[in-house]
Amino acid sequence: MDDKIMVIRLKDYAGWISIAVFILTLAISLVIILTPLYSLTAQALHLAENLGMSHEALMENYHILIQYLNFPWIEQLNMPDFPSSTSGLFHFYEVKRLFMINYILLLVSAVASYRYIASIRKRQNYLPLNHFFKWGSVVPLILVILLVLNFDWLFLTFHQLLFNNDAWIFNPVTDPIILALPQEFFMVCFAFVFIFIELVFISGYFLTKRKIKERRKRTD
């Protein structure tokens, strides 16, 4: 294989990884900042009523939690209506670190993706990117199927991969916040992420397909 072709392929592979990471971290970031997603889920599940508090108070505690997880300068988590154990606080600290990693990856992959797409536009060869979006769109569909068929397994596997301890297993007595964060809410979050990624991949596929057709018309 010609060295020049090899370099181009390696750039394509690196570009695909950058775009995949960007789309994933963007989807996660949107889920994090879309607090109405939690509000709607809480209302649908009657969480505030079940916890014996107002919806406004529940959302106040949720906002405090999200602010702690999102902002590195907030070092203490103190929810007024939900006491936390040492183990629970440690888990949220681990989640906070993962959030920071997610945002860093989002920024880095955004720059890398921009540079790769700029090189694609310069080469006017959208075929590799089209193939990436085409085959990449299969992954979210598989994950959605797993979500529907066996979310418990997916949820457990997700935590086992990201955490090397059992601090994520909350006791409602010592960490009542878990009652305000039911598994159904995380199912909604997972579904949002997978659907968002699928829509981006489908949009990318048709956009690059149109670019390919336009280029062929110009060369014919």
N, C-alpha and C. Protein backbone atom coordinates (compact mmCIF):
# COMPACT_ATOMS: atom_id res chain seq x y z
N MET A 1 0.84 -1.20 0.00
CA MET A 1 0.00 0.00 0.00
C MET A 1 0.88 1.25 0.00
N ASP A 2 0.49 2.21 -0.85
CA ASP A 2 1.24 3.46 -0.94
C ASP A 2 1.23 4.19 0.40
N ASP A 3 2.39 4.77 0.76
CA ASP A 3 2.50 5.47 2.05
C ASP A 3 1.50 6.61 2.17
N LYS A 4 1.25 7.31 1.07
CA LYS A 4 0.32 8.43 1.10
C LYS A 4 -1.10 7.95 1.41
N ILE A 5 -1.48 6.83 0.80
CA ILE A 5 -2.82 6.27 1.05
C ILE A 5 -2.94 5.81 2.50
N MET A 6 -1.85 5.21 3.01
CA MET A 6 -1.84 4.76 4.41
C MET A 6 -2.04 5.93 5.37
N VAL A 7 -1.36 7.04 5.09
CA VAL A 7 -1.49 8.23 5.94
C VAL A 7 -2.92 8.75 5.90
N ILE A 8 -3.52 8.78 4.71
CA ILE A 8 -4.90 9.26 4.58
C ILE A 8 -5.86 8.38 5.37
N ARG A 9 -5.65 7.06 5.29
CA ARG A 9 -6.52 6.13 6.01
C ARG A 9 -6.38 6.29 7.52
N LEU A 10 -5.15 6.47 7.97
CA LEU A 10 -4.93 6.68 9.41
C LEU A 10 -5.60 7.97 9.88
N LYS A 11 -5.54 9.00 9.03
CA LYS A 11 -6.21 10.26 9.36
C LYS A 11 -7.72 10.06 9.43
N ASP A 12 -8.24 9.23 8.51
CA ASP A 12 -9.67 8.93 8.52
C ASP A 12 -10.06 8.21 9.81
N TYR A 13 -9.28 7.21 10.19
CA TYR A 13 -9.58 6.46 11.42
C TYR A 13 -9.56 7.38 12.64
N ALA A 14 -8.53 8.23 12.69
CA ALA A 14 -8.43 9.17 13.81
C ALA A 14 -9.59 10.16 13.80
N GLY A 15 -9.97 10.58 12.60
CA GLY A 15 -11.10 11.50 12.46
C GLY A 15 -12.40 10.87 12.89
N TRP A 16 -12.60 9.60 12.51
CA TRP A 16 -13.82 8.89 12.91
C TRP A 16 -13.92 8.78 14.43
N ILE A 17 -12.79 8.45 15.05
CA ILE A 17 -12.78 8.34 16.52
C ILE A 17 -13.12 9.69 17.15
N SER A 18 -12.54 10.75 16.60
CA SER A 18 -12.79 12.10 17.13
C SER A 18 -14.27 12.45 17.03
N ILE A 19 -14.87 12.18 15.88
CA ILE A 19 -16.28 12.50 15.68
C ILE A 19 -17.16 11.66 16.59
N ALA A 20 -16.84 10.36 16.72
CA ALA A 20 -17.62 9.48 17.59
C ALA A 20 -17.57 9.95 19.04
N VAL A 21 -16.37 10.32 19.49
CA VAL A 21 -16.22 10.82 20.87
C VAL A 21 -16.97 12.14 21.04
N PHE A 22 -16.89 13.01 20.04
CA PHE A 22 -17.58 14.29 20.12
C PHE A 22 -19.09 14.11 20.22
N ILE A 23 -19.64 13.25 19.37
CA ILE A 23 -21.09 13.02 19.39
C ILE A 23 -21.54 12.43 20.72
N LEU A 24 -20.77 11.45 21.21
CA LEU A 24 -21.12 10.80 22.49
C LEU A 24 -21.05 11.79 23.65
N THR A 25 -19.96 12.53 23.74
CA THR A 25 -19.80 13.47 24.86
C THR A 25 -20.78 14.63 24.76
N LEU A 26 -21.13 15.02 23.54
CA LEU A 26 -22.13 16.07 23.36
C LEU A 26 -23.49 15.58 23.85
N ALA A 27 -23.84 14.34 23.51
CA ALA A 27 -25.11 13.77 23.94
C ALA A 27 -25.18 13.69 25.47
N ILE A 28 -24.08 13.25 26.08
CA ILE A 28 -24.03 13.16 27.55
C ILE A 28 -24.15 14.55 28.17
N SER A 29 -23.47 15.52 27.59
CA SER A 29 -23.52 16.89 28.11
C SER A 29 -24.93 17.46 28.04
N LEU A 30 -25.62 17.17 26.95
CA LEU A 30 -26.99 17.66 26.80
C LEU A 30 -27.91 17.05 27.85
N VAL A 31 -27.73 15.76 28.12
CA VAL A 31 -28.54 15.09 29.15
C VAL A 31 -28.29 15.74 30.51
N ILE A 32 -27.04 16.07 30.77
CA ILE A 32 -26.68 16.66 32.07
C ILE A 32 -27.33 18.03 32.26
N ILE A 33 -27.27 18.86 31.23
CA ILE A 33 -27.75 20.24 31.39
C ILE A 33 -29.26 20.38 31.17
N LEU A 34 -29.89 19.38 30.57
CA LEU A 34 -31.33 19.44 30.34
C LEU A 34 -32.09 19.04 31.60
N THR A 35 -32.12 19.94 32.57
CA THR A 35 -32.84 19.64 33.81
C THR A 35 -34.34 19.43 33.60
N PRO A 36 -34.97 20.04 32.56
CA PRO A 36 -36.38 19.74 32.32
C PRO A 36 -36.64 18.25 32.09
N LEU A 37 -35.62 17.54 31.61
CA LEU A 37 -35.77 16.10 31.41
C LEU A 37 -36.04 15.40 32.74
N TYR A 38 -35.33 15.83 33.78
CA TYR A 38 -35.57 15.27 35.11
C TYR A 38 -36.91 15.74 35.65
N SER A 39 -37.24 17.01 35.45
CA SER A 39 -38.49 17.56 35.95
C SER A 39 -39.69 16.81 35.38
N LEU A 40 -39.68 16.57 34.08
CA LEU A 40 -40.78 15.85 33.44
C LEU A 40 -40.88 14.41 33.94
N THR A 41 -39.72 13.77 34.09
CA THR A 41 -39.70 12.39 34.60
C THR A 41 -40.21 12.33 36.03
N ALA A 42 -39.78 13.29 36.84
CA ALA A 42 -40.21 13.34 38.24
C ALA A 42 -41.72 13.53 38.34
N GLN A 43 -42.27 14.36 37.48
CA GLN A 43 -43.71 14.59 37.48
C GLN A 43 -44.46 13.35 37.01
N ALA A 44 -43.93 12.69 35.98
CA ALA A 44 -44.58 11.49 35.46
C ALA A 44 -44.59 10.36 36.49
N LEU A 45 -43.54 10.27 37.30
CA LEU A 45 -43.42 9.21 38.30
C LEU A 45 -43.93 9.64 39.68
N HIS A 46 -44.40 10.89 39.79
CA HIS A 46 -44.92 11.42 41.06
C HIS A 46 -43.88 11.30 42.18
N LEU A 47 -42.63 11.63 41.85
CA LEU A 47 -41.55 11.48 42.82
C LEU A 47 -41.73 12.38 44.04
N ALA A 48 -42.05 13.64 43.79
CA ALA A 48 -42.20 14.58 44.91
C ALA A 48 -43.30 14.12 45.86
N GLU A 49 -44.41 13.69 45.30
CA GLU A 49 -45.52 13.21 46.12
C GLU A 49 -45.11 11.98 46.92
N ASN A 50 -44.41 11.06 46.29
CA ASN A 50 -43.98 9.84 46.98
C ASN A 50 -42.96 10.14 48.09
N LEU A 51 -42.19 11.22 47.90
CA LEU A 51 -41.18 11.59 48.89
C LEU A 51 -41.72 12.54 49.96
N GLY A 52 -42.97 12.94 49.80
CA GLY A 52 -43.58 13.82 50.78
C GLY A 52 -43.04 15.24 50.76
N MET A 53 -42.76 15.73 49.56
CA MET A 53 -42.24 17.09 49.42
C MET A 53 -42.82 17.73 48.17
N SER A 54 -42.62 19.03 48.03
CA SER A 54 -43.12 19.72 46.84
C SER A 54 -42.19 19.47 45.65
N HIS A 55 -42.74 19.64 44.47
CA HIS A 55 -41.92 19.48 43.26
C HIS A 55 -40.82 20.53 43.22
N GLU A 56 -41.14 21.72 43.70
CA GLU A 56 -40.15 22.81 43.71
C GLU A 56 -38.97 22.47 44.61
N ALA A 57 -39.27 21.89 45.78
CA ALA A 57 -38.19 21.50 46.71
C ALA A 57 -37.34 20.39 46.12
N LEU A 58 -38.00 19.45 45.44
CA LEU A 58 -37.26 18.36 44.80
C LEU A 58 -36.32 18.91 43.74
N MET A 59 -36.80 19.84 42.93
CA MET A 59 -35.99 20.41 41.87
C MET A 59 -34.84 21.25 42.44
N GLU A 60 -35.09 21.90 43.58
CA GLU A 60 -34.02 22.68 44.22
C GLU A 60 -32.86 21.76 44.62
N ASN A 61 -33.19 20.61 45.20
CA ASN A 61 -32.16 19.64 45.58
C ASN A 61 -31.45 19.08 44.35
N TYR A 62 -32.21 18.84 43.29
CA TYR A 62 -31.61 18.31 42.06
C TYR A 62 -30.65 19.33 41.45
N HIS A 63 -31.05 20.59 41.46
CA HIS A 63 -30.17 21.64 40.92
C HIS A 63 -28.88 21.75 41.72
N ILE A 64 -28.98 21.61 43.03
CA ILE A 64 -27.78 21.64 43.88
C ILE A 64 -26.85 20.49 43.52
N LEU A 65 -27.43 19.31 43.31
CA LEU A 65 -26.63 18.14 42.93
C LEU A 65 -25.95 18.36 41.58
N ILE A 66 -26.71 18.84 40.60
CA ILE A 66 -26.16 19.05 39.26
C ILE A 66 -25.08 20.12 39.26
N GLN A 67 -25.28 21.18 40.04
CA GLN A 67 -24.26 22.23 40.13
C GLN A 67 -22.97 21.68 40.73
N TYR A 68 -23.10 20.84 41.74
CA TYR A 68 -21.91 20.22 42.34
C TYR A 68 -21.18 19.36 41.31
N LEU A 69 -21.94 18.58 40.55
CA LEU A 69 -21.33 17.68 39.58
C LEU A 69 -20.72 18.42 38.40
N ASN A 70 -21.28 19.59 38.08
CA ASN A 70 -20.86 20.31 36.88
C ASN A 70 -19.71 21.28 37.08
N PHE A 71 -19.63 21.89 38.26
CA PHE A 71 -18.68 22.97 38.46
C PHE A 71 -17.53 22.54 39.37
N PRO A 72 -16.31 22.55 38.86
CA PRO A 72 -15.15 22.08 39.64
C PRO A 72 -14.88 22.90 40.89
N TRP A 73 -15.31 24.17 40.91
CA TRP A 73 -15.03 25.02 42.07
C TRP A 73 -16.00 24.77 43.23
N ILE A 74 -17.07 23.99 42.98
CA ILE A 74 -17.97 23.61 44.07
C ILE A 74 -17.46 22.29 44.65
N GLU A 75 -16.91 22.33 45.83
CA GLU A 75 -16.24 21.16 46.41
C GLU A 75 -17.08 20.42 47.44
N GLN A 76 -18.18 21.02 47.87
CA GLN A 76 -19.02 20.40 48.90
C GLN A 76 -20.41 20.14 48.33
N LEU A 77 -20.95 18.98 48.64
CA LEU A 77 -22.32 18.65 48.26
C LEU A 77 -23.18 18.62 49.51
N ASN A 78 -24.15 19.50 49.55
CA ASN A 78 -25.02 19.58 50.72
C ASN A 78 -26.45 19.85 50.26
N MET A 79 -27.20 18.79 50.05
CA MET A 79 -28.60 18.92 49.65
C MET A 79 -29.46 19.09 50.90
N PRO A 80 -30.26 20.14 50.97
CA PRO A 80 -31.00 20.45 52.20
C PRO A 80 -31.97 19.37 52.66
N ASP A 81 -32.55 18.63 51.71
CA ASP A 81 -33.57 17.64 52.09
C ASP A 81 -33.10 16.20 51.96
N PHE A 82 -31.84 16.02 51.57
CA PHE A 82 -31.32 14.66 51.38
C PHE A 82 -29.94 14.52 52.03
N PRO A 83 -29.87 13.96 53.21
CA PRO A 83 -28.56 13.70 53.83
C PRO A 83 -27.81 12.65 53.03
N SER A 84 -26.49 12.66 53.13
CA SER A 84 -25.66 11.72 52.37
C SER A 84 -24.65 11.05 53.28
N SER A 85 -24.41 9.77 53.03
CA SER A 85 -23.39 9.04 53.77
C SER A 85 -22.03 9.32 53.16
N THR A 86 -20.98 8.90 53.84
CA THR A 86 -19.62 9.06 53.31
C THR A 86 -19.47 8.33 51.99
N SER A 87 -20.05 7.14 51.92
CA SER A 87 -19.99 6.35 50.69
C SER A 87 -20.74 7.04 49.56
N GLY A 88 -21.90 7.59 49.88
CA GLY A 88 -22.69 8.29 48.88
C GLY A 88 -21.97 9.52 48.34
N LEU A 89 -21.37 10.28 49.24
CA LEU A 89 -20.62 11.47 48.83
C LEU A 89 -19.42 11.10 47.97
N PHE A 90 -18.78 9.97 48.29
CA PHE A 90 -17.64 9.51 47.50
C PHE A 90 -18.08 9.14 46.09
N HIS A 91 -19.25 8.50 45.99
CA HIS A 91 -19.74 8.14 44.66
C HIS A 91 -20.02 9.39 43.83
N PHE A 92 -20.65 10.38 44.42
CA PHE A 92 -20.92 11.61 43.68
C PHE A 92 -19.62 12.32 43.31
N TYR A 93 -18.60 12.20 44.13
CA TYR A 93 -17.28 12.75 43.79
C TYR A 93 -16.72 12.04 42.56
N GLU A 94 -16.89 10.72 42.50
CA GLU A 94 -16.43 9.97 41.33
C GLU A 94 -17.22 10.37 40.08
N VAL A 95 -18.52 10.57 40.25
CA VAL A 95 -19.34 11.01 39.12
C VAL A 95 -18.89 12.39 38.65
N LYS A 96 -18.57 13.26 39.59
CA LYS A 96 -18.08 14.60 39.26
C LYS A 96 -16.81 14.52 38.41
N ARG A 97 -15.90 13.64 38.78
CA ARG A 97 -14.66 13.46 37.99
C ARG A 97 -14.99 12.99 36.57
N LEU A 98 -15.95 12.08 36.45
CA LEU A 98 -16.35 11.60 35.13
C LEU A 98 -16.96 12.72 34.30
N PHE A 99 -17.73 13.58 34.95
CA PHE A 99 -18.30 14.73 34.24
C PHE A 99 -17.19 15.63 33.71
N MET A 100 -16.17 15.88 34.53
CA MET A 100 -15.06 16.73 34.10
C MET A 100 -14.32 16.11 32.91
N ILE A 101 -14.11 14.80 32.99
CA ILE A 101 -13.46 14.09 31.88
C ILE A 101 -14.31 14.20 30.62
N ASN A 102 -15.62 14.07 30.77
CA ASN A 102 -16.53 14.18 29.63
C ASN A 102 -16.40 15.55 28.96
N TYR A 103 -16.37 16.61 29.75
CA TYR A 103 -16.29 17.96 29.19
C TYR A 103 -14.94 18.20 28.51
N ILE A 104 -13.88 17.66 29.09
CA ILE A 104 -12.56 17.80 28.48
C ILE A 104 -12.52 17.08 27.13
N LEU A 105 -13.05 15.85 27.11
CA LEU A 105 -13.10 15.09 25.87
C LEU A 105 -13.98 15.78 24.83
N LEU A 106 -15.05 16.42 25.28
CA LEU A 106 -15.93 17.15 24.37
C LEU A 106 -15.16 18.27 23.67
N LEU A 107 -14.39 19.03 24.42
CA LEU A 107 -13.64 20.15 23.84
C LEU A 107 -12.54 19.66 22.90
N VAL A 108 -11.78 18.66 23.36
CA VAL A 108 -10.67 18.14 22.55
C VAL A 108 -11.20 17.51 21.26
N SER A 109 -12.24 16.70 21.37
CA SER A 109 -12.79 16.02 20.19
C SER A 109 -13.47 17.01 19.25
N ALA A 110 -14.00 18.11 19.79
CA ALA A 110 -14.61 19.13 18.93
C ALA A 110 -13.56 19.76 18.02
N VAL A 111 -12.41 20.08 18.59
CA VAL A 111 -11.31 20.66 17.80
C VAL A 111 -10.81 19.65 16.77
N ALA A 112 -10.59 18.41 17.21
CA ALA A 112 -10.09 17.37 16.31
C ALA A 112 -11.09 17.08 15.19
N SER A 113 -12.37 17.04 15.53
CA SER A 113 -13.42 16.78 14.53
C SER A 113 -13.49 17.91 13.51
N TYR A 114 -13.38 19.14 13.99
CA TYR A 114 -13.42 20.29 13.10
C TYR A 114 -12.27 20.23 12.09
N ARG A 115 -11.08 19.91 12.58
CA ARG A 115 -9.91 19.84 11.70
C ARG A 115 -10.07 18.71 10.68
N TYR A 116 -10.63 17.57 11.13
CA TYR A 116 -10.81 16.44 10.21
C TYR A 116 -11.84 16.78 9.13
N ILE A 117 -12.96 17.37 9.54
CA ILE A 117 -13.99 17.72 8.56
C ILE A 117 -13.48 18.79 7.60
N ALA A 118 -12.64 19.69 8.10
CA ALA A 118 -12.03 20.70 7.23
C ALA A 118 -11.14 20.03 6.18
N SER A 119 -10.41 18.99 6.58
CA SER A 119 -9.56 18.26 5.62
C SER A 119 -10.41 17.50 4.61
N ILE A 120 -11.56 16.99 5.06
CA ILE A 120 -12.48 16.29 4.16
C ILE A 120 -13.01 17.26 3.09
N ARG A 121 -13.39 18.44 3.53
CA ARG A 121 -13.90 19.45 2.60
C ARG A 121 -12.81 19.87 1.61
N LYS A 122 -11.59 19.93 2.09
CA LYS A 122 -10.48 20.31 1.21
C LYS A 122 -10.23 19.23 0.16
N ARG A 123 -10.30 17.96 0.59
CA ARG A 123 -10.09 16.84 -0.34
C ARG A 123 -11.30 16.61 -1.23
N GLN A 124 -12.47 17.07 -0.75
CA GLN A 124 -13.73 16.84 -1.45
C GLN A 124 -14.01 15.35 -1.65
N ASN A 125 -13.62 14.57 -0.64
CA ASN A 125 -13.88 13.13 -0.67
C ASN A 125 -14.68 12.76 0.58
N TYR A 126 -15.99 12.75 0.43
CA TYR A 126 -16.88 12.51 1.57
C TYR A 126 -17.23 11.03 1.75
N LEU A 127 -16.72 10.18 0.86
CA LEU A 127 -17.09 8.76 0.91
C LEU A 127 -16.69 8.07 2.21
N PRO A 128 -15.44 8.24 2.70
CA PRO A 128 -15.08 7.59 3.97
C PRO A 128 -15.97 8.04 5.14
N LEU A 129 -16.29 9.33 5.17
CA LEU A 129 -17.15 9.85 6.23
C LEU A 129 -18.57 9.32 6.09
N ASN A 130 -19.01 9.15 4.86
CA ASN A 130 -20.33 8.58 4.60
C ASN A 130 -20.42 7.15 5.11
N HIS A 131 -19.37 6.37 4.87
CA HIS A 131 -19.32 4.98 5.37
C HIS A 131 -19.31 4.96 6.89
N PHE A 132 -18.59 5.89 7.49
CA PHE A 132 -18.54 5.96 8.96
C PHE A 132 -19.93 6.19 9.54
N PHE A 133 -20.65 7.16 8.99
CA PHE A 133 -22.00 7.45 9.50
C PHE A 133 -22.96 6.29 9.22
N LYS A 134 -22.78 5.66 8.06
CA LYS A 134 -23.66 4.55 7.69
C LYS A 134 -23.53 3.39 8.67
N TRP A 135 -22.31 2.93 8.89
CA TRP A 135 -22.11 1.77 9.77
C TRP A 135 -22.19 2.17 11.24
N GLY A 136 -21.84 3.39 11.55
CA GLY A 136 -21.93 3.85 12.94
C GLY A 136 -23.36 3.94 13.43
N SER A 137 -24.30 4.15 12.52
CA SER A 137 -25.71 4.27 12.91
C SER A 137 -26.28 2.96 13.43
N VAL A 138 -25.57 1.86 13.19
CA VAL A 138 -26.04 0.55 13.66
C VAL A 138 -25.87 0.43 15.18
N VAL A 139 -24.81 1.01 15.72
CA VAL A 139 -24.49 0.86 17.15
C VAL A 139 -25.60 1.37 18.06
N PRO A 140 -26.10 2.60 17.86
CA PRO A 140 -27.18 3.06 18.74
C PRO A 140 -28.42 2.19 18.67
N LEU A 141 -28.71 1.64 17.49
CA LEU A 141 -29.88 0.76 17.35
C LEU A 141 -29.73 -0.48 18.21
N ILE A 142 -28.52 -1.05 18.21
CA ILE A 142 -28.26 -2.23 19.05
C ILE A 142 -28.43 -1.88 20.52
N LEU A 143 -27.91 -0.72 20.92
CA LEU A 143 -28.01 -0.30 22.31
C LEU A 143 -29.46 -0.02 22.72
N VAL A 144 -30.25 0.53 21.80
CA VAL A 144 -31.67 0.76 22.09
C VAL A 144 -32.39 -0.56 22.30
N ILE A 145 -32.05 -1.56 21.49
CA ILE A 145 -32.64 -2.89 21.65
C ILE A 145 -32.30 -3.46 23.03
N LEU A 146 -31.03 -3.32 23.43
CA LEU A 146 -30.61 -3.77 24.76
C LEU A 146 -31.35 -3.00 25.85
N LEU A 147 -31.55 -1.71 25.61
CA LEU A 147 -32.25 -0.86 26.57
C LEU A 147 -33.67 -1.36 26.79
N VAL A 148 -34.32 -1.74 25.71
CA VAL A 148 -35.71 -2.20 25.79
C VAL A 148 -35.80 -3.60 26.37
N LEU A 149 -34.90 -4.48 25.93
CA LEU A 149 -34.98 -5.88 26.33
C LEU A 149 -34.44 -6.14 27.73
N ASN A 150 -33.34 -5.47 28.10
CA ASN A 150 -32.72 -5.78 29.39
C ASN A 150 -31.96 -4.56 29.92
N PHE A 151 -32.71 -3.56 30.37
CA PHE A 151 -32.06 -2.36 30.88
C PHE A 151 -31.30 -2.64 32.17
N ASP A 152 -31.80 -3.55 32.99
CA ASP A 152 -31.13 -3.88 34.25
C ASP A 152 -29.69 -4.32 34.00
N TRP A 153 -29.51 -5.19 33.00
CA TRP A 153 -28.16 -5.67 32.66
C TRP A 153 -27.31 -4.53 32.13
N LEU A 154 -27.89 -3.70 31.27
CA LEU A 154 -27.15 -2.57 30.70
C LEU A 154 -26.74 -1.59 31.79
N PHE A 155 -27.64 -1.31 32.71
CA PHE A 155 -27.38 -0.38 33.81
C PHE A 155 -26.28 -0.92 34.72
N LEU A 156 -26.35 -2.20 35.04
CA LEU A 156 -25.36 -2.84 35.90
C LEU A 156 -23.99 -2.85 35.23
N THR A 157 -23.96 -3.24 33.95
CA THR A 157 -22.70 -3.29 33.21
C THR A 157 -22.06 -1.91 33.11
N PHE A 158 -22.88 -0.90 32.88
CA PHE A 158 -22.41 0.48 32.79
C PHE A 158 -21.69 0.89 34.07
N HIS A 159 -22.27 0.59 35.21
CA HIS A 159 -21.65 0.96 36.49
C HIS A 159 -20.40 0.12 36.78
N GLN A 160 -20.44 -1.14 36.42
CA GLN A 160 -19.27 -1.99 36.67
C GLN A 160 -18.08 -1.56 35.82
N LEU A 161 -18.34 -1.02 34.64
CA LEU A 161 -17.25 -0.55 33.78
C LEU A 161 -16.66 0.77 34.27
N LEU A 162 -17.50 1.64 34.79
CA LEU A 162 -17.05 2.98 35.17
C LEU A 162 -16.56 3.10 36.60
N PHE A 163 -17.01 2.19 37.47
CA PHE A 163 -16.65 2.29 38.89
C PHE A 163 -16.05 0.97 39.38
N ASN A 164 -14.94 1.07 40.09
CA ASN A 164 -14.24 -0.13 40.58
C ASN A 164 -14.59 -0.42 42.04
N ASN A 165 -15.77 0.03 42.47
CA ASN A 165 -16.22 -0.20 43.84
C ASN A 165 -17.74 -0.32 43.84
N ASP A 166 -18.30 -0.52 45.02
CA ASP A 166 -19.76 -0.65 45.11
C ASP A 166 -20.40 0.56 45.79
N ALA A 167 -19.70 1.70 45.79
CA ALA A 167 -20.24 2.91 46.40
C ALA A 167 -21.48 3.41 45.67
N TRP A 168 -21.65 2.98 44.42
CA TRP A 168 -22.82 3.40 43.64
C TRP A 168 -24.09 2.69 44.08
N ILE A 169 -23.96 1.63 44.88
CA ILE A 169 -25.13 0.92 45.40
C ILE A 169 -25.59 1.65 46.67
N PHE A 170 -26.60 2.47 46.54
CA PHE A 170 -27.05 3.33 47.63
C PHE A 170 -28.04 2.61 48.56
N ASN A 171 -27.94 2.94 49.84
CA ASN A 171 -28.92 2.50 50.83
C ASN A 171 -29.91 3.64 51.04
N PRO A 172 -31.19 3.43 50.76
CA PRO A 172 -32.17 4.52 50.89
C PRO A 172 -32.25 5.12 52.29
N VAL A 173 -31.83 4.35 53.29
CA VAL A 173 -31.87 4.85 54.67
C VAL A 173 -30.80 5.91 54.89
N THR A 174 -29.59 5.63 54.42
CA THR A 174 -28.47 6.56 54.62
C THR A 174 -28.31 7.55 53.47
N ASP A 175 -28.81 7.18 52.29
CA ASP A 175 -28.72 8.05 51.11
C ASP A 175 -30.08 8.11 50.42
N PRO A 176 -31.03 8.82 51.01
CA PRO A 176 -32.39 8.87 50.45
C PRO A 176 -32.49 9.51 49.08
N ILE A 177 -31.42 10.17 48.62
CA ILE A 177 -31.43 10.78 47.29
C ILE A 177 -31.68 9.73 46.21
N ILE A 178 -31.35 8.48 46.49
CA ILE A 178 -31.56 7.42 45.51
C ILE A 178 -33.04 7.26 45.20
N LEU A 179 -33.90 7.59 46.16
CA LEU A 179 -35.34 7.51 45.94
C LEU A 179 -35.81 8.59 44.97
N ALA A 180 -35.02 9.66 44.86
CA ALA A 180 -35.34 10.75 43.92
C ALA A 180 -34.67 10.53 42.57
N LEU A 181 -33.83 9.50 42.49
CA LEU A 181 -33.14 9.17 41.24
C LEU A 181 -33.43 7.72 40.87
N PRO A 182 -34.68 7.41 40.54
CA PRO A 182 -35.04 6.02 40.24
C PRO A 182 -34.42 5.55 38.93
N GLN A 183 -34.41 4.25 38.76
CA GLN A 183 -33.81 3.66 37.57
C GLN A 183 -34.52 4.12 36.30
N GLU A 184 -35.81 4.41 36.43
CA GLU A 184 -36.57 4.87 35.26
C GLU A 184 -36.01 6.17 34.70
N PHE A 185 -35.52 7.04 35.58
CA PHE A 185 -34.94 8.30 35.12
C PHE A 185 -33.68 8.04 34.30
N PHE A 186 -32.86 7.12 34.76
CA PHE A 186 -31.64 6.80 34.02
C PHE A 186 -31.97 6.11 32.69
N MET A 187 -33.07 5.37 32.66
CA MET A 187 -33.50 4.77 31.41
C MET A 187 -33.86 5.85 30.39
N VAL A 188 -34.54 6.89 30.87
CA VAL A 188 -34.87 8.02 30.00
C VAL A 188 -33.60 8.70 29.49
N CYS A 189 -32.62 8.86 30.38
CA CYS A 189 -31.34 9.49 29.99
C CYS A 189 -30.61 8.66 28.94
N PHE A 190 -30.55 7.35 29.16
CA PHE A 190 -29.90 6.46 28.19
C PHE A 190 -30.62 6.54 26.85
N ALA A 191 -31.95 6.52 26.88
CA ALA A 191 -32.73 6.57 25.65
C ALA A 191 -32.46 7.87 24.90
N PHE A 192 -32.40 8.98 25.63
CA PHE A 192 -32.12 10.27 25.01
C PHE A 192 -30.76 10.25 24.31
N VAL A 193 -29.75 9.74 25.00
CA VAL A 193 -28.40 9.69 24.44
C VAL A 193 -28.37 8.85 23.17
N PHE A 194 -28.96 7.65 23.22
CA PHE A 194 -28.92 6.75 22.06
C PHE A 194 -29.70 7.34 20.88
N ILE A 195 -30.87 7.91 21.16
CA ILE A 195 -31.68 8.49 20.08
C ILE A 195 -30.98 9.70 19.47
N PHE A 196 -30.39 10.54 20.31
CA PHE A 196 -29.66 11.71 19.82
C PHE A 196 -28.51 11.28 18.91
N ILE A 197 -27.74 10.30 19.36
CA ILE A 197 -26.60 9.80 18.57
C ILE A 197 -27.09 9.24 17.24
N GLU A 198 -28.18 8.48 17.29
CA GLU A 198 -28.73 7.88 16.06
C GLU A 198 -29.16 8.97 15.08
N LEU A 199 -29.81 9.99 15.57
CA LEU A 199 -30.26 11.08 14.70
C LEU A 199 -29.08 11.82 14.07
N VAL A 200 -28.02 12.01 14.85
CA VAL A 200 -26.83 12.68 14.32
C VAL A 200 -26.17 11.82 13.24
N PHE A 201 -26.08 10.52 13.48
CA PHE A 201 -25.47 9.63 12.49
C PHE A 201 -26.30 9.58 11.21
N ILE A 202 -27.61 9.51 11.35
CA ILE A 202 -28.47 9.48 10.16
C ILE A 202 -28.36 10.79 9.39
N SER A 203 -28.36 11.91 10.12
CA SER A 203 -28.20 13.22 9.48
C SER A 203 -26.86 13.32 8.77
N GLY A 204 -25.81 12.84 9.44
CA GLY A 204 -24.48 12.85 8.84
C GLY A 204 -24.41 12.00 7.59
N TYR A 205 -25.09 10.86 7.62
CA TYR A 205 -25.10 9.96 6.45
C TYR A 205 -25.74 10.64 5.25
N PHE A 206 -26.91 11.23 5.44
CA PHE A 206 -27.61 11.85 4.31
C PHE A 206 -26.91 13.13 3.85
N LEU A 207 -26.31 13.86 4.78
CA LEU A 207 -25.59 15.07 4.40
C LEU A 207 -24.37 14.74 3.54
N THR A 208 -23.59 13.75 3.96
CA THR A 208 -22.41 13.36 3.17
C THR A 208 -22.82 12.69 1.86
N LYS A 209 -23.94 11.99 1.86
CA LYS A 209 -24.44 11.39 0.62
C LYS A 209 -24.79 12.47 -0.39
N ARG A 210 -25.39 13.56 0.09
CA ARG A 210 -25.73 14.67 -0.79
C ARG A 210 -24.46 15.34 -1.33
N LYS A 211 -23.45 15.47 -0.45
CA LYS A 211 -22.18 16.06 -0.88
C LYS A 211 -21.52 15.22 -1.97
N ILE A 212 -21.61 13.90 -1.82
CA ILE A 212 -21.03 12.99 -2.82
C ILE A 212 -21.73 13.16 -4.16
N LYS A 213 -23.07 13.25 -4.13
CA LYS A 213 -23.84 13.42 -5.37
C LYS A 213 -23.51 14.75 -6.04
N GLU A 214 -23.37 15.80 -5.24
CA GLU A 214 -23.05 17.12 -5.78
C GLU A 214 -21.68 17.11 -6.46
N ARG A 215 -20.74 16.41 -5.85
CA ARG A 215 -19.38 16.35 -6.42
C ARG A 215 -19.40 15.56 -7.73
N ARG A 216 -20.18 14.48 -7.76
CA ARG A 216 -20.27 13.68 -8.99
C ARG A 216 -20.89 14.47 -10.13
N LYS A 217 -21.87 15.30 -9.81
CA LYS A 217 -22.50 16.13 -10.83
C LYS A 217 -21.51 17.14 -11.41
N ARG A 218 -20.67 17.68 -10.53
CA ARG A 218 -19.68 18.67 -11.00
C ARG A 218 -18.61 18.03 -11.87
N THR A 219 -18.29 16.76 -11.61
CA THR A 219 -17.22 16.09 -12.36
C THR A 219 -17.72 15.42 -13.63
N ASP A 220 -19.04 15.20 -13.72
CA ASP A 220 -19.60 14.55 -14.92
C ASP A 220 -19.59 15.51 -16.12
